[in-house]
Amino acid sequence: VTVMNPWDVVTTRMCNQPEDGSVYRSSFDCLRKTYVAEGLAGFAKGWWAHWFRLGPHTTYCFVFLEALKVAADRAGVLQ
């Protein structure tokens, strides 16, 4: 979540700008303007929402994967 959040902020800002593209010329322009205006804290906006969306999903994926490995091992599939 922490690594992907800055790119999520840039993507959201690019998608929410007016259709004529008057705010940002490119993703890198958005990245630069956000850093200049808000510093590194600007890229942490929405971190909690991002974590609440992806944290449980990632946890459940790993729990399910481990349970699947145990079941496959018991069935002799992974030998």
N, C-alpha and C. Protein backbone atom coordinates (compact mmCIF):
# COMPACT_ATOMS: atom_id res chain seq x y z
N VAL A 1 0.84 -1.19 0.00
CA VAL A 1 0.00 0.00 0.00
C VAL A 1 0.87 1.24 0.00
N THR A 2 1.89 1.27 0.83
CA THR A 2 2.73 2.45 0.96
C THR A 2 3.48 2.75 -0.34
N VAL A 3 3.91 1.73 -1.02
CA VAL A 3 4.64 1.94 -2.27
C VAL A 3 3.72 2.37 -3.40
N MET A 4 2.52 1.84 -3.44
CA MET A 4 1.60 2.14 -4.53
C MET A 4 0.78 3.41 -4.33
N ASN A 5 0.67 3.89 -3.11
CA ASN A 5 -0.20 5.03 -2.85
C ASN A 5 0.18 6.29 -3.63
N PRO A 6 1.46 6.66 -3.75
CA PRO A 6 1.77 7.85 -4.55
C PRO A 6 1.26 7.74 -5.99
N TRP A 7 1.37 6.57 -6.58
CA TRP A 7 0.89 6.40 -7.96
C TRP A 7 -0.63 6.43 -8.01
N ASP A 8 -1.28 5.96 -6.95
CA ASP A 8 -2.73 6.02 -6.88
C ASP A 8 -3.18 7.48 -6.77
N VAL A 9 -2.46 8.29 -6.00
CA VAL A 9 -2.78 9.72 -5.88
C VAL A 9 -2.65 10.39 -7.24
N VAL A 10 -1.56 10.12 -7.95
CA VAL A 10 -1.34 10.73 -9.26
C VAL A 10 -2.43 10.30 -10.24
N THR A 11 -2.75 9.02 -10.26
CA THR A 11 -3.78 8.52 -11.17
C THR A 11 -5.13 9.17 -10.87
N THR A 12 -5.47 9.28 -9.59
CA THR A 12 -6.75 9.88 -9.21
C THR A 12 -6.79 11.34 -9.63
N ARG A 13 -5.71 12.06 -9.41
CA ARG A 13 -5.68 13.48 -9.80
C ARG A 13 -5.73 13.66 -11.31
N MET A 14 -5.08 12.78 -12.03
CA MET A 14 -5.13 12.87 -13.50
C MET A 14 -6.54 12.60 -14.00
N CYS A 15 -7.22 11.65 -13.41
CA CYS A 15 -8.59 11.30 -13.84
C CYS A 15 -9.61 12.35 -13.43
N ASN A 16 -9.37 13.06 -12.34
CA ASN A 16 -10.32 14.04 -11.84
C ASN A 16 -10.13 15.45 -12.39
N GLN A 17 -9.09 15.65 -13.18
CA GLN A 17 -8.89 16.99 -13.75
C GLN A 17 -9.89 17.22 -14.88
N PRO A 18 -10.11 18.47 -15.28
CA PRO A 18 -11.02 18.75 -16.39
C PRO A 18 -10.58 18.04 -17.67
N GLU A 19 -11.52 17.78 -18.55
CA GLU A 19 -11.22 17.03 -19.77
C GLU A 19 -10.21 17.73 -20.67
N ASP A 20 -10.10 19.03 -20.57
CA ASP A 20 -9.15 19.73 -21.44
C ASP A 20 -7.70 19.59 -20.95
N GLY A 21 -7.49 18.94 -19.81
CA GLY A 21 -6.14 18.70 -19.30
C GLY A 21 -5.45 19.97 -18.86
N SER A 22 -6.21 20.93 -18.37
CA SER A 22 -5.65 22.24 -18.03
C SER A 22 -4.83 22.25 -16.73
N VAL A 23 -4.95 21.22 -15.92
CA VAL A 23 -4.24 21.21 -14.64
C VAL A 23 -2.88 20.53 -14.77
N TYR A 24 -2.85 19.35 -15.36
CA TYR A 24 -1.60 18.58 -15.50
C TYR A 24 -1.40 18.20 -16.96
N ARG A 25 -0.15 18.31 -17.43
CA ARG A 25 0.16 17.92 -18.81
C ARG A 25 0.43 16.43 -18.93
N SER A 26 0.97 15.84 -17.87
CA SER A 26 1.31 14.41 -17.87
C SER A 26 1.35 13.90 -16.44
N SER A 27 1.55 12.61 -16.29
CA SER A 27 1.65 12.03 -14.94
C SER A 27 2.85 12.58 -14.20
N PHE A 28 3.94 12.77 -14.91
CA PHE A 28 5.15 13.29 -14.26
C PHE A 28 4.96 14.76 -13.86
N ASP A 29 4.19 15.51 -14.65
CA ASP A 29 3.87 16.89 -14.30
C ASP A 29 3.01 16.91 -13.03
N CYS A 30 2.06 15.99 -12.93
CA CYS A 30 1.23 15.87 -11.73
C CYS A 30 2.08 15.50 -10.53
N LEU A 31 3.01 14.58 -10.70
CA LEU A 31 3.92 14.17 -9.63
C LEU A 31 4.73 15.36 -9.14
N ARG A 32 5.27 16.12 -10.07
CA ARG A 32 6.10 17.29 -9.72
C ARG A 32 5.28 18.36 -9.03
N LYS A 33 4.12 18.70 -9.58
CA LYS A 33 3.29 19.75 -8.99
C LYS A 33 2.78 19.37 -7.60
N THR A 34 2.46 18.10 -7.42
CA THR A 34 2.01 17.65 -6.10
C THR A 34 3.14 17.76 -5.09
N TYR A 35 4.34 17.37 -5.48
CA TYR A 35 5.49 17.44 -4.58
C TYR A 35 5.81 18.89 -4.22
N VAL A 36 5.79 19.77 -5.22
CA VAL A 36 6.11 21.18 -4.97
C VAL A 36 5.05 21.83 -4.07
N ALA A 37 3.78 21.54 -4.30
CA ALA A 37 2.70 22.17 -3.55
C ALA A 37 2.50 21.57 -2.16
N GLU A 38 2.68 20.26 -2.02
CA GLU A 38 2.31 19.60 -0.77
C GLU A 38 3.43 18.81 -0.12
N GLY A 39 4.54 18.64 -0.78
CA GLY A 39 5.64 17.85 -0.23
C GLY A 39 5.31 16.36 -0.28
N LEU A 40 6.09 15.58 0.42
CA LEU A 40 5.87 14.13 0.43
C LEU A 40 4.53 13.74 1.05
N ALA A 41 4.02 14.58 1.96
CA ALA A 41 2.74 14.27 2.60
C ALA A 41 1.60 14.25 1.59
N GLY A 42 1.75 14.97 0.49
CA GLY A 42 0.72 14.96 -0.55
C GLY A 42 0.51 13.60 -1.18
N PHE A 43 1.54 12.79 -1.17
CA PHE A 43 1.44 11.45 -1.76
C PHE A 43 0.86 10.43 -0.78
N ALA A 44 0.70 10.81 0.48
CA ALA A 44 0.14 9.91 1.48
C ALA A 44 -1.37 10.09 1.62
N LYS A 45 -1.94 11.02 0.88
CA LYS A 45 -3.39 11.24 0.98
C LYS A 45 -4.12 9.98 0.56
N GLY A 46 -5.10 9.59 1.35
CA GLY A 46 -5.88 8.40 1.05
C GLY A 46 -5.20 7.11 1.44
N TRP A 47 -4.11 7.19 2.21
CA TRP A 47 -3.38 5.97 2.58
C TRP A 47 -4.27 5.01 3.36
N TRP A 48 -5.02 5.54 4.33
CA TRP A 48 -5.88 4.67 5.14
C TRP A 48 -6.96 4.01 4.29
N ALA A 49 -7.56 4.77 3.40
CA ALA A 49 -8.58 4.18 2.52
C ALA A 49 -7.98 3.09 1.65
N HIS A 50 -6.78 3.35 1.15
CA HIS A 50 -6.07 2.37 0.34
C HIS A 50 -5.77 1.11 1.16
N TRP A 51 -5.31 1.30 2.40
CA TRP A 51 -4.99 0.16 3.24
C TRP A 51 -6.24 -0.64 3.58
N PHE A 52 -7.34 0.06 3.93
CA PHE A 52 -8.58 -0.66 4.26
C PHE A 52 -9.14 -1.42 3.07
N ARG A 53 -8.80 -0.99 1.87
CA ARG A 53 -9.26 -1.70 0.68
C ARG A 53 -8.36 -2.89 0.38
N LEU A 54 -7.05 -2.71 0.43
CA LEU A 54 -6.12 -3.75 0.01
C LEU A 54 -5.59 -4.63 1.15
N GLY A 55 -5.55 -4.11 2.36
CA GLY A 55 -5.01 -4.88 3.49
C GLY A 55 -5.74 -6.19 3.72
N PRO A 56 -7.06 -6.15 3.90
CA PRO A 56 -7.79 -7.41 4.11
C PRO A 56 -7.71 -8.34 2.90
N HIS A 57 -7.77 -7.78 1.70
CA HIS A 57 -7.68 -8.61 0.49
C HIS A 57 -6.36 -9.36 0.45
N THR A 58 -5.27 -8.68 0.72
CA THR A 58 -3.96 -9.32 0.70
C THR A 58 -3.85 -10.37 1.79
N THR A 59 -4.34 -10.05 2.97
CA THR A 59 -4.30 -11.01 4.09
C THR A 59 -5.09 -12.27 3.75
N TYR A 60 -6.31 -12.10 3.25
CA TYR A 60 -7.12 -13.26 2.89
C TYR A 60 -6.49 -14.08 1.77
N CYS A 61 -5.84 -13.43 0.83
CA CYS A 61 -5.17 -14.16 -0.25
C CYS A 61 -4.07 -15.06 0.31
N PHE A 62 -3.25 -14.53 1.22
CA PHE A 62 -2.17 -15.33 1.79
C PHE A 62 -2.71 -16.45 2.67
N VAL A 63 -3.74 -16.18 3.45
CA VAL A 63 -4.35 -17.22 4.29
C VAL A 63 -4.92 -18.33 3.41
N PHE A 64 -5.63 -17.95 2.35
CA PHE A 64 -6.21 -18.93 1.44
C PHE A 64 -5.12 -19.73 0.74
N LEU A 65 -4.05 -19.05 0.31
CA LEU A 65 -2.95 -19.74 -0.36
C LEU A 65 -2.30 -20.78 0.56
N GLU A 66 -2.09 -20.41 1.82
CA GLU A 66 -1.49 -21.35 2.76
C GLU A 66 -2.41 -22.54 3.02
N ALA A 67 -3.71 -22.29 3.12
CA ALA A 67 -4.67 -23.39 3.32
C ALA A 67 -4.70 -24.28 2.09
N LEU A 68 -4.60 -23.70 0.92
CA LEU A 68 -4.57 -24.47 -0.32
C LEU A 68 -3.32 -25.33 -0.40
N LYS A 69 -2.18 -24.78 0.03
CA LYS A 69 -0.93 -25.55 0.04
C LYS A 69 -1.04 -26.75 0.97
N VAL A 70 -1.62 -26.55 2.16
CA VAL A 70 -1.79 -27.64 3.13
C VAL A 70 -2.70 -28.71 2.54
N ALA A 71 -3.81 -28.30 1.93
CA ALA A 71 -4.74 -29.27 1.34
C ALA A 71 -4.08 -30.03 0.19
N ALA A 72 -3.31 -29.33 -0.63
CA ALA A 72 -2.64 -30.00 -1.75
C ALA A 72 -1.55 -30.95 -1.25
N ASP A 73 -0.87 -30.56 -0.19
CA ASP A 73 0.16 -31.43 0.39
C ASP A 73 -0.47 -32.70 0.97
N ARG A 74 -1.60 -32.56 1.63
CA ARG A 74 -2.29 -33.72 2.19
C ARG A 74 -2.80 -34.66 1.09
N ALA A 75 -3.18 -34.07 -0.03
CA ALA A 75 -3.67 -34.88 -1.15
C ALA A 75 -2.54 -35.45 -1.98
N GLY A 76 -1.31 -35.03 -1.68
CA GLY A 76 -0.16 -35.54 -2.42
C GLY A 76 0.04 -34.91 -3.78
N VAL A 77 -0.55 -33.76 -4.00
CA VAL A 77 -0.46 -33.08 -5.30
C VAL A 77 0.90 -32.43 -5.51
N LEU A 78 1.52 -31.96 -4.45
CA LEU A 78 2.78 -31.19 -4.57
C LEU A 78 4.04 -32.06 -4.48
N GLN A 79 3.87 -33.37 -4.61
CA GLN A 79 5.05 -34.23 -4.48
C GLN A 79 5.70 -34.50 -5.82
